Amino acid sequence: MFTSISVIFLLFLEGLAIYFAYRAVVNSRTPQGSVAWVVFLLAAPYLAIISYLFLGHKRISGYVIARQKSIRVLDGMADARRDYPPAGDAHNVGYPVFEALAAAPVLSGNSVEMLVDGDETFDAIFEAIAGAESYVLVQFYIIRDDTLGRAFRDLLIETAARGITVRVLYDSVGSSRLPNRYIRELTDAGVKILDSNALRGPTNRLQINFRNHRKTVIVDGVLGFSGGHNIGDEYLGRDAKLGHWRDTHCQMHGPIVSQLQLVFCEDWHWATEENLLDDLNWKSGRASQNIDALLLASGPADEMETGNLYFCAAIRAAQERIWIASPYFVPDSDINTALKVAALKGLDVRILMPDSADHWATYLAAFDYFDELRTAGVQFWRYDQGFMHQKVLLVDETVASVGTFNLDARSCRLNFETTTMMFDSEAARDVATMLQADFAQSHLLEDNLSDQPLWIRLGAPCARLFQPLL
């Protein structure tokens, strides 16, 4: 009897593995991903089935994208385009491409200020929250219960005590070490704090592939923040191992704040099914500057490969240079090709990365890309004054982008991300000056993979095999 049950169970697992292999072929976003899952599922079904349940999902279903579904929102965007028409695509960057990816229009009347490193970023965010008059919206991938995290918690409690509505979203994977006590103290103080997947369970581990990587603060609908910083002491350079933490956030005024706020509303609705559109201020007003800007958001609910297309479109738009700062470099094949073509055309193509590692798999995988790209003329600069975590893109003196996108498959396909795109020569020059200072604290990678230590030579090709998940 026991043997019969065992045979039936094993046959069931084999059948389940075949079914999941079929799903991988049908649903995987890349042929490489399909092949990898099929081989894994058929060769080691017992281990692969569990892995597939957690990591095999490539698209999230049921996520409401208000930018594309709501007539009211679409009408509001049309009104915004009428009230804040862009100055015009004088450099032929291709506004329609980025607008289609963002499902939102490029708007004028914005000001965007670069916030370099943690002290400048958190001073500005704390000051803005302390001055809130109506509401505060907060979203971070990581919130830690450390010195900065507790100061942030206390500020939110004080803000709620003043009668200000405070809503907070965090990611259950990025904030997996956040204690329940921290959440309870905020909740008891009247702060509405939720995991981004709260409606589908407190941690929803079967959604582990879909992480909300956005870092957003919005105050009263008129002031917004987005960029690379999370809430943790390491982002202030207090981690003895990583040392100085080089990162960039941006502070924005103008109609782009409403675009950022709409993305938060989508995430809040996903977590709660609560519609915030009637509760928030959508009259951001015109800022002192007049920058054409766009808030581009992406995620696994998108119908197109938004993240990959964002990088490819930016690279394609470059006529003189494309500089990208990213802590991780595990690009899709399309981005890989676009970078090589740009370099072969004679453009100044630079990738700025940290010389140290915080995630060893992504650190190792990057080495398996360097040689082929360097042969085409792509320069890799290694920041060696601490850890560099900023996510910045620069095209000529025409486009600058600061946000949460890493140059890896996870950011481009699996995470919810945002970036602030500025179509403005002055903004681009400011970002160029900032990056030039970073290059001055970096060294140009000149060694081939064959010249690297043995553990990198062996580890890099193996780590690259996991590119779809890194």
Protein backbone atom coordinates (compact mmCIF):
# COMPACT_ATOMS: atom_id res chain seq x y z
CA MET A 1 0.00 0.00 0.00
CA PHE A 2 2.77 2.40 0.98
CA THR A 3 4.64 1.61 -2.26
CA SER A 4 1.55 2.35 -4.37
CA ILE A 5 1.05 5.72 -2.69
CA SER A 6 4.72 6.56 -3.21
CA VAL A 7 4.53 5.69 -6.90
CA ILE A 8 1.37 7.78 -7.33
CA PHE A 9 3.01 10.69 -5.53
CA LEU A 10 6.15 10.48 -7.67
CA LEU A 11 4.08 10.32 -10.83
CA PHE A 12 2.14 13.37 -9.65
CA LEU A 13 5.39 15.29 -9.11
CA GLU A 14 6.68 14.27 -12.53
CA GLY A 15 3.43 15.43 -14.11
CA LEU A 16 3.59 18.70 -12.19
CA ALA A 17 7.17 19.23 -13.37
CA ILE A 18 6.10 18.69 -16.98
CA TYR A 19 3.20 21.13 -16.52
CA PHE A 20 5.51 23.77 -15.03
CA ALA A 21 7.98 23.18 -17.87
CA TYR A 22 5.18 23.91 -20.32
CA ARG A 23 4.30 27.08 -18.40
CA ALA A 24 7.95 28.13 -18.50
CA VAL A 25 8.01 27.75 -22.28
CA VAL A 26 4.77 29.68 -22.71
CA ASN A 27 5.30 32.42 -20.14
CA SER A 28 9.04 33.00 -19.78
CA ARG A 29 10.12 36.36 -21.15
CA THR A 30 13.35 35.07 -22.69
CA PRO A 31 14.31 31.84 -24.52
CA GLN A 32 17.26 31.47 -22.14
CA GLY A 33 14.91 31.55 -19.17
CA SER A 34 12.61 28.97 -20.78
CA VAL A 35 15.47 26.57 -21.49
CA ALA A 36 16.92 26.97 -18.00
CA TRP A 37 13.60 26.17 -16.31
CA VAL A 38 12.76 23.26 -18.63
CA VAL A 39 16.14 21.60 -18.03
CA PHE A 40 15.95 22.19 -14.28
CA LEU A 41 12.37 20.93 -13.97
CA LEU A 42 12.95 17.76 -16.01
CA ALA A 43 16.39 16.95 -14.56
CA ALA A 44 15.62 17.60 -10.89
CA PRO A 45 11.83 17.90 -10.58
CA TYR A 46 11.60 17.55 -6.82
CA LEU A 47 13.85 20.53 -6.14
CA ALA A 48 12.83 22.50 -9.23
CA ILE A 49 9.08 22.44 -8.49
CA ILE A 50 9.59 24.25 -5.19
CA SER A 51 11.98 26.70 -6.81
CA TYR A 52 9.52 27.38 -9.62
CA LEU A 53 6.70 28.10 -7.17
CA PHE A 54 8.78 30.88 -5.66
CA LEU A 55 10.87 32.14 -8.58
CA GLY A 56 9.20 30.98 -11.77
CA HIS A 57 6.61 33.74 -12.09
CA LYS A 58 7.50 36.38 -14.69
CA ARG A 59 4.34 38.45 -14.79
CA ILE A 60 2.03 39.55 -12.03
CA SER A 61 -1.71 39.37 -12.65
CA GLY A 62 -4.50 41.52 -11.28
CA TYR A 63 -2.36 44.63 -10.77
CA VAL A 64 -4.38 47.74 -11.61
CA ILE A 65 -2.40 50.33 -13.59
CA ALA A 66 -4.47 53.49 -13.18
CA ARG A 67 -2.45 55.33 -15.81
CA GLN A 68 -3.84 52.99 -18.46
CA LYS A 69 -7.23 51.91 -17.11
CA SER A 70 -8.96 54.90 -15.51
CA ILE A 71 -10.88 57.31 -17.73
CA ARG A 72 -10.66 59.90 -15.00
CA VAL A 73 -6.88 59.57 -14.81
CA LEU A 74 -6.54 59.69 -18.58
CA ASP A 75 -8.65 62.85 -18.67
CA GLY A 76 -6.46 64.32 -15.93
CA MET A 77 -3.35 63.57 -17.96
CA ALA A 78 -4.85 65.24 -21.00
CA ASP A 79 -5.60 68.32 -18.87
CA ALA A 80 -2.04 68.30 -17.52
CA ARG A 81 -0.63 68.14 -21.04
CA ARG A 82 -2.78 71.15 -21.97
CA ASP A 83 -1.79 73.12 -18.84
CA TYR A 84 1.91 72.16 -18.91
CA PRO A 85 2.84 71.58 -22.56
CA PRO A 86 6.49 70.56 -23.02
CA ALA A 87 8.89 73.05 -24.53
CA GLY A 88 9.51 70.57 -27.32
CA ASP A 89 11.87 67.78 -28.32
CA ALA A 90 14.51 70.09 -29.76
CA HIS A 91 17.20 67.39 -29.69
CA ASN A 92 15.02 64.69 -31.24
CA VAL A 93 15.34 62.46 -28.20
CA GLY A 94 12.02 60.80 -28.94
CA TYR A 95 9.43 61.93 -26.41
CA PRO A 96 6.74 59.57 -27.80
CA VAL A 97 8.82 56.49 -26.97
CA PHE A 98 9.26 57.39 -23.32
CA GLU A 99 5.67 58.63 -23.02
CA ALA A 100 4.39 55.31 -24.37
CA LEU A 101 6.56 53.38 -21.91
CA ALA A 102 5.48 55.57 -18.99
CA ALA A 103 1.82 55.72 -20.06
CA ALA A 104 2.11 59.40 -19.13
CA PRO A 105 3.01 62.65 -20.92
CA VAL A 106 6.18 64.71 -20.77
CA LEU A 107 5.23 67.91 -18.90
CA SER A 108 6.91 71.28 -18.43
CA GLY A 109 6.89 73.46 -15.32
CA ASN A 110 9.06 71.19 -13.17
CA SER A 111 12.11 71.71 -11.01
CA VAL A 112 14.34 68.80 -10.00
CA GLU A 113 17.20 69.12 -7.52
CA MET A 114 19.94 66.51 -7.16
CA LEU A 115 20.47 65.28 -3.60
CA VAL A 116 23.94 63.78 -3.37
CA ASP A 117 24.47 61.14 -0.67
CA GLY A 118 22.60 60.38 2.53
CA ASP A 119 22.99 63.49 4.66
CA GLU A 120 21.68 65.79 1.95
CA THR A 121 18.88 63.40 1.04
CA PHE A 122 17.56 62.66 4.50
CA ASP A 123 17.93 66.25 5.70
CA ALA A 124 15.65 67.31 2.83
CA ILE A 125 13.17 64.46 3.36
CA PHE A 126 12.95 64.97 7.12
CA GLU A 127 12.47 68.71 6.68
CA ALA A 128 9.73 68.16 4.11
CA ILE A 129 7.84 65.69 6.30
CA ALA A 130 8.15 67.95 9.33
CA GLY A 131 6.54 70.73 7.29
CA ALA A 132 3.63 68.64 5.97
CA GLU A 133 0.23 70.30 6.20
CA SER A 134 -2.14 67.59 4.99
CA TYR A 135 -0.59 64.21 4.21
CA VAL A 136 2.61 62.25 3.69
CA LEU A 137 3.02 59.25 1.40
CA VAL A 138 6.08 57.04 1.95
CA GLN A 139 7.37 53.98 0.14
CA PHE A 140 10.72 52.24 0.56
CA TYR A 141 12.07 48.87 -0.47
CA ILE A 142 14.10 48.64 2.74
CA ILE A 143 13.20 50.07 6.13
CA ARG A 144 15.53 49.09 8.96
CA ASP A 145 15.10 49.27 12.71
CA ASP A 146 18.41 51.06 13.25
CA THR A 147 19.41 54.61 14.19
CA LEU A 148 18.10 56.18 10.97
CA GLY A 149 15.06 53.91 10.88
CA ARG A 150 14.08 54.79 14.43
CA ALA A 151 14.54 58.51 13.78
CA PHE A 152 12.33 58.13 10.72
CA ARG A 153 9.73 56.22 12.76
CA ASP A 154 9.70 58.92 15.44
CA LEU A 155 9.25 61.64 12.83
CA LEU A 156 6.28 59.82 11.29
CA ILE A 157 4.72 59.37 14.73
CA GLU A 158 5.16 63.08 15.49
CA THR A 159 3.70 63.96 12.11
CA ALA A 160 0.64 61.76 12.66
CA ALA A 161 0.19 63.31 16.11
CA ARG A 162 -0.19 66.71 14.40
CA GLY A 163 -3.24 65.37 12.56
CA ILE A 164 -1.38 64.71 9.31
CA THR A 165 -2.41 61.57 7.40
CA VAL A 166 0.62 59.30 6.99
CA ARG A 167 0.64 56.27 4.70
CA VAL A 168 3.65 53.96 4.41
CA LEU A 169 4.39 51.04 2.09
CA TYR A 170 7.38 48.72 2.48
CA ASP A 171 8.48 45.57 0.66
CA SER A 172 8.32 42.34 2.66
CA VAL A 173 11.47 40.95 1.02
CA GLY A 174 13.62 44.08 1.30
CA SER A 175 12.32 44.78 4.81
CA SER A 176 12.25 41.14 5.95
CA ARG A 177 14.19 42.03 9.12
CA LEU A 178 11.83 44.82 10.13
CA PRO A 179 10.39 43.71 13.50
CA ASN A 180 6.66 43.64 14.14
CA ARG A 181 7.25 45.96 17.07
CA TYR A 182 8.36 48.72 14.70
CA ILE A 183 5.23 48.32 12.59
CA ARG A 184 2.99 48.12 15.66
CA GLU A 185 4.38 51.34 17.13
CA LEU A 186 3.61 53.21 13.93
CA THR A 187 0.16 51.63 13.64
CA ASP A 188 -0.69 52.49 17.25
CA ALA A 189 0.27 56.10 16.52
CA GLY A 190 -2.20 56.29 13.65
CA VAL A 191 0.23 55.72 10.77
CA LYS A 192 -1.16 53.44 8.06
CA ILE A 193 1.76 51.13 7.29
CA LEU A 194 1.47 48.10 5.04
CA ASP A 195 3.52 45.56 3.14
CA SER A 196 3.09 46.17 -0.61
CA ASN A 197 1.53 42.70 -0.87
CA ALA A 198 -0.60 43.09 2.26
CA LEU A 199 -3.87 42.16 0.59
CA ARG A 200 -2.42 38.87 -0.61
CA GLY A 201 -0.90 37.84 2.72
CA PRO A 202 1.60 39.39 5.13
CA THR A 203 4.64 38.10 3.25
CA ASN A 204 3.25 36.17 0.26
CA ARG A 205 6.44 34.24 -0.39
CA LEU A 206 5.08 32.89 -3.67
CA GLN A 207 5.43 36.49 -4.89
CA ILE A 208 9.10 36.65 -3.90
CA ASN A 209 10.10 37.40 -7.48
CA PHE A 210 7.97 40.57 -7.56
CA ARG A 211 9.59 43.15 -5.32
CA ASN A 212 8.59 46.76 -5.02
CA HIS A 213 11.93 48.51 -5.33
CA ARG A 214 10.56 52.06 -5.35
CA LYS A 215 11.78 54.72 -2.91
CA THR A 216 9.21 57.50 -2.74
CA VAL A 217 8.21 60.32 -0.43
CA ILE A 218 5.40 62.72 -1.33
CA VAL A 219 4.31 65.63 0.84
CA ASP A 220 0.93 67.31 0.29
CA GLY A 221 1.02 66.47 -3.41
CA VAL A 222 3.41 69.34 -4.13
CA LEU A 223 6.83 67.96 -3.15
CA GLY A 224 8.26 64.60 -4.16
CA PHE A 225 11.41 62.56 -3.62
CA SER A 226 12.72 59.51 -5.48
CA GLY A 227 16.09 57.87 -6.04
CA GLY A 228 18.45 55.25 -4.70
CA HIS A 229 18.25 55.68 -0.92
CA ASN A 230 16.43 53.35 1.46
CA ILE A 231 15.92 53.83 5.18
CA GLY A 232 18.98 52.32 6.85
CA ASP A 233 22.23 53.39 8.48
CA GLU A 234 24.35 52.08 5.61
CA TYR A 235 22.80 54.75 3.37
CA LEU A 236 24.48 57.31 5.61
CA GLY A 237 27.85 55.54 5.31
CA ARG A 238 27.65 54.00 8.77
CA ASP A 239 28.39 50.44 7.66
CA ALA A 240 32.00 49.71 8.62
CA LYS A 241 32.38 47.09 5.88
CA LEU A 242 30.99 49.11 2.96
CA GLY A 243 32.22 52.50 4.17
CA HIS A 244 31.16 55.65 2.35
CA TRP A 245 27.83 55.13 0.55
CA ARG A 246 27.61 57.01 -2.73
CA ASP A 247 24.00 57.51 -3.78
CA THR A 248 21.72 60.02 -5.48
CA HIS A 249 18.15 61.02 -4.80
CA CYS A 250 16.17 63.87 -6.34
CA GLN A 251 13.71 66.38 -4.97
CA MET A 252 11.00 67.52 -7.37
CA HIS A 253 8.32 70.19 -7.65
CA GLY A 254 5.74 70.66 -10.38
CA PRO A 255 3.35 68.37 -12.25
CA ILE A 256 5.80 65.46 -12.20
CA VAL A 257 4.92 65.12 -8.49
CA SER A 258 1.37 64.20 -9.51
CA GLN A 259 2.77 61.48 -11.78
CA LEU A 260 4.82 60.09 -8.90
CA GLN A 261 1.76 60.30 -6.65
CA LEU A 262 -0.34 58.36 -9.15
CA VAL A 263 2.18 55.51 -9.11
CA PHE A 264 1.97 55.44 -5.31
CA CYS A 265 -1.83 55.28 -5.58
CA GLU A 266 -1.52 52.23 -7.82
CA ASP A 267 0.72 50.48 -5.30
CA TRP A 268 -1.57 51.44 -2.42
CA HIS A 269 -4.59 50.07 -4.29
CA TRP A 270 -2.72 46.82 -4.93
CA ALA A 271 -2.04 46.51 -1.20
CA THR A 272 -5.45 47.59 0.07
CA GLU A 273 -8.01 47.93 -2.78
CA GLU A 274 -8.49 51.45 -1.42
CA ASN A 275 -8.79 54.22 -4.01
CA LEU A 276 -6.92 57.35 -2.92
CA LEU A 277 -7.68 59.53 -5.93
CA ASP A 278 -10.31 61.59 -4.12
CA ASP A 279 -8.23 61.96 -0.95
CA LEU A 280 -5.15 63.62 -2.45
CA ASN A 281 -4.14 66.96 -3.89
CA TRP A 282 -3.61 66.88 -7.66
CA LYS A 283 -2.85 70.58 -8.11
CA SER A 284 0.90 70.52 -7.83
CA GLY A 285 1.33 73.90 -9.54
CA ARG A 286 4.15 75.15 -11.74
CA ALA A 287 7.67 75.13 -10.28
CA SER A 288 10.18 77.98 -10.46
CA GLN A 289 12.14 76.18 -13.18
CA ASN A 290 10.60 75.03 -16.43
CA ILE A 291 12.08 71.57 -16.97
CA ASP A 292 10.41 69.09 -19.29
CA ALA A 293 10.15 65.94 -17.18
CA LEU A 294 8.47 62.56 -17.02
CA LEU A 295 8.01 59.99 -14.26
CA LEU A 296 8.57 56.58 -15.83
CA ALA A 297 7.38 53.60 -13.81
CA SER A 298 7.77 49.93 -14.67
CA GLY A 299 6.87 46.56 -13.23
CA PRO A 300 5.99 42.93 -13.93
CA ALA A 301 2.39 43.93 -14.68
CA ASP A 302 3.48 45.86 -17.79
CA GLU A 303 2.48 44.52 -21.18
CA MET A 304 5.86 45.47 -22.66
CA GLU A 305 9.45 45.12 -21.44
CA THR A 306 9.38 48.63 -19.99
CA GLY A 307 12.70 48.50 -18.16
CA ASN A 308 14.68 47.07 -21.07
CA LEU A 309 13.00 49.42 -23.53
CA TYR A 310 13.80 52.40 -21.30
CA PHE A 311 17.52 51.63 -21.39
CA CYS A 312 17.52 50.73 -25.09
CA ALA A 313 15.62 53.89 -26.05
CA ALA A 314 17.99 56.07 -24.03
CA ILE A 315 21.06 54.42 -25.57
CA ARG A 316 19.53 54.75 -29.05
CA ALA A 317 18.87 58.48 -28.48
CA ALA A 318 22.50 59.24 -27.64
CA GLN A 319 24.52 61.09 -30.27
CA GLU A 320 27.68 61.85 -28.29
CA ARG A 321 27.65 60.01 -24.98
CA ILE A 322 25.71 57.63 -22.77
CA TRP A 323 26.82 57.41 -19.15
CA ILE A 324 25.11 54.98 -16.79
CA ALA A 325 25.73 54.59 -13.06
CA SER A 326 24.45 51.35 -11.55
CA PRO A 327 25.60 49.22 -8.62
CA TYR A 328 24.89 46.05 -10.62
CA PHE A 329 25.55 45.17 -14.26
CA VAL A 330 23.75 42.06 -15.47
CA PRO A 331 22.08 43.38 -18.64
CA ASP A 332 19.60 41.79 -20.97
CA SER A 333 20.99 40.81 -24.36
CA ASP A 334 19.16 43.71 -26.05
CA ILE A 335 20.80 46.27 -23.75
CA ASN A 336 24.12 44.50 -24.19
CA THR A 337 23.85 44.84 -27.96
CA ALA A 338 22.67 48.46 -27.79
CA LEU A 339 25.69 49.42 -25.69
CA LYS A 340 28.09 47.72 -28.09
CA VAL A 341 26.53 49.38 -31.13
CA ALA A 342 26.71 52.80 -29.44
CA ALA A 343 30.38 52.30 -28.63
CA LEU A 344 31.18 51.03 -32.12
CA LYS A 345 29.60 54.21 -33.53
CA GLY A 346 32.22 56.16 -31.60
CA LEU A 347 30.03 57.38 -28.75
CA ASP A 348 31.44 57.91 -25.27
CA VAL A 349 29.88 54.93 -23.49
CA ARG A 350 30.69 54.62 -19.80
CA ILE A 351 29.33 52.36 -17.07
CA LEU A 352 30.08 53.47 -13.50
CA MET A 353 29.99 50.68 -10.93
CA PRO A 354 31.25 50.02 -7.41
CA ASP A 355 34.55 48.22 -7.02
CA SER A 356 33.22 46.49 -3.90
CA ALA A 357 30.30 44.09 -3.52
CA ASP A 358 27.17 43.97 -1.41
CA HIS A 359 25.60 41.07 -3.37
CA TRP A 360 28.18 38.55 -4.51
CA ALA A 361 26.14 36.86 -7.23
CA THR A 362 25.55 40.08 -9.17
CA TYR A 363 29.10 41.24 -8.50
CA LEU A 364 30.52 38.04 -10.01
CA ALA A 365 28.12 37.85 -12.96
CA ALA A 366 29.16 41.31 -14.15
CA PHE A 367 32.72 40.13 -14.83
CA ASP A 368 31.45 37.76 -17.49
CA TYR A 369 30.14 40.73 -19.53
CA PHE A 370 33.08 43.10 -19.33
CA ASP A 371 35.44 41.67 -21.95
CA GLU A 372 33.00 41.56 -24.89
CA LEU A 373 31.73 45.08 -24.17
CA ARG A 374 35.20 46.53 -23.64
CA THR A 375 36.24 45.06 -27.00
CA ALA A 376 33.49 47.18 -28.60
CA GLY A 377 34.73 50.29 -26.78
CA VAL A 378 32.51 50.44 -23.68
CA GLN A 379 34.38 51.81 -20.66
CA PHE A 380 33.82 50.39 -17.18
CA TRP A 381 34.73 52.67 -14.31
CA ARG A 382 35.04 51.16 -10.84
CA TYR A 383 34.20 53.47 -7.95
CA ASP A 384 36.65 52.72 -5.14
CA GLN A 385 35.86 55.30 -2.46
CA GLY A 386 33.22 53.13 -0.77
CA PHE A 387 30.08 51.58 -2.21
CA MET A 388 28.28 53.24 -5.15
CA HIS A 389 24.52 52.59 -5.22
CA GLN A 390 23.13 55.41 -7.40
CA LYS A 391 20.96 54.68 -10.44
CA VAL A 392 21.65 57.50 -12.89
CA LEU A 393 21.56 57.76 -16.68
CA LEU A 394 22.87 60.61 -18.85
CA VAL A 395 22.38 61.12 -22.59
CA ASP A 396 24.51 63.85 -24.21
CA GLU A 397 23.47 67.20 -22.73
CA THR A 398 19.82 66.47 -23.35
CA VAL A 399 18.51 63.80 -20.94
CA ALA A 400 19.24 62.99 -17.32
CA SER A 401 17.46 60.28 -15.36
CA VAL A 402 17.62 59.49 -11.63
CA GLY A 403 15.63 56.72 -10.03
CA THR A 404 15.59 53.13 -8.80
CA PHE A 405 16.49 51.18 -11.98
CA ASN A 406 19.56 48.97 -11.68
CA LEU A 407 21.08 47.76 -14.94
CA ASP A 408 20.10 44.14 -14.38
CA ALA A 409 17.36 41.73 -15.36
CA ARG A 410 15.62 41.96 -11.99
CA SER A 411 15.09 45.72 -12.23
CA CYS A 412 14.11 45.53 -15.89
CA ARG A 413 11.70 42.60 -15.60
CA LEU A 414 10.74 41.62 -12.09
CA ASN A 415 10.76 44.67 -9.82
CA PHE A 416 8.46 47.66 -9.60
CA GLU A 417 10.70 50.65 -10.37
CA THR A 418 10.52 54.39 -11.06
CA THR A 419 12.84 56.96 -12.57
CA THR A 420 12.62 60.72 -13.01
CA MET A 421 13.52 61.68 -16.58
CA MET A 422 14.59 65.28 -17.22
CA PHE A 423 14.73 66.51 -20.80
CA ASP A 424 16.75 69.61 -20.08
CA SER A 425 20.27 70.76 -20.96
CA GLU A 426 20.95 72.45 -17.63
CA ALA A 427 19.81 69.39 -15.66
CA ALA A 428 21.96 67.17 -17.89
CA ARG A 429 25.00 69.38 -17.31
CA ASP A 430 24.43 69.24 -13.54
CA VAL A 431 24.28 65.45 -13.64
CA ALA A 432 27.36 65.34 -15.88
CA THR A 433 29.29 67.43 -13.35
CA MET A 434 28.17 65.09 -10.57
CA LEU A 435 29.24 61.98 -12.51
CA GLN A 436 32.57 63.53 -13.50
CA ALA A 437 33.33 63.92 -9.80
CA ASP A 438 32.53 60.22 -9.37
CA PHE A 439 34.78 59.22 -12.27
CA ALA A 440 37.59 61.17 -10.58
CA GLN A 441 37.20 58.83 -7.60
CA SER A 442 37.15 55.70 -9.77
CA HIS A 443 39.57 53.71 -11.89
CA LEU A 444 39.13 52.45 -15.42
CA LEU A 445 38.85 48.67 -15.65
CA GLU A 446 41.62 47.42 -17.95
CA ASP A 447 42.12 43.79 -16.89
CA ASN A 448 40.49 40.95 -18.81
CA LEU A 449 38.59 38.17 -17.06
CA SER A 450 41.63 35.94 -17.58
CA ASP A 451 43.67 38.38 -15.48
CA GLN A 452 41.27 38.27 -12.53
CA PRO A 453 41.77 36.09 -9.44
CA LEU A 454 40.83 32.42 -9.81
CA TRP A 455 37.62 32.73 -7.77
CA ILE A 456 36.34 35.44 -10.15
CA ARG A 457 37.40 33.52 -13.28
CA LEU A 458 35.50 30.46 -12.07
CA GLY A 459 32.58 32.25 -10.41
CA ALA A 460 31.67 34.77 -13.11
CA PRO A 461 30.43 32.33 -15.80
CA CYS A 462 28.53 30.33 -13.20
CA ALA A 463 26.87 33.42 -11.71
CA ARG A 464 25.86 34.62 -15.18
CA LEU A 465 23.77 31.46 -15.61
CA PHE A 466 21.36 32.96 -13.07
CA GLN A 467 21.07 36.24 -15.02
CA PRO A 468 17.25 36.08 -15.32
CA LEU A 469 16.94 36.14 -11.52
CA LEU A 470 19.76 38.52 -10.55
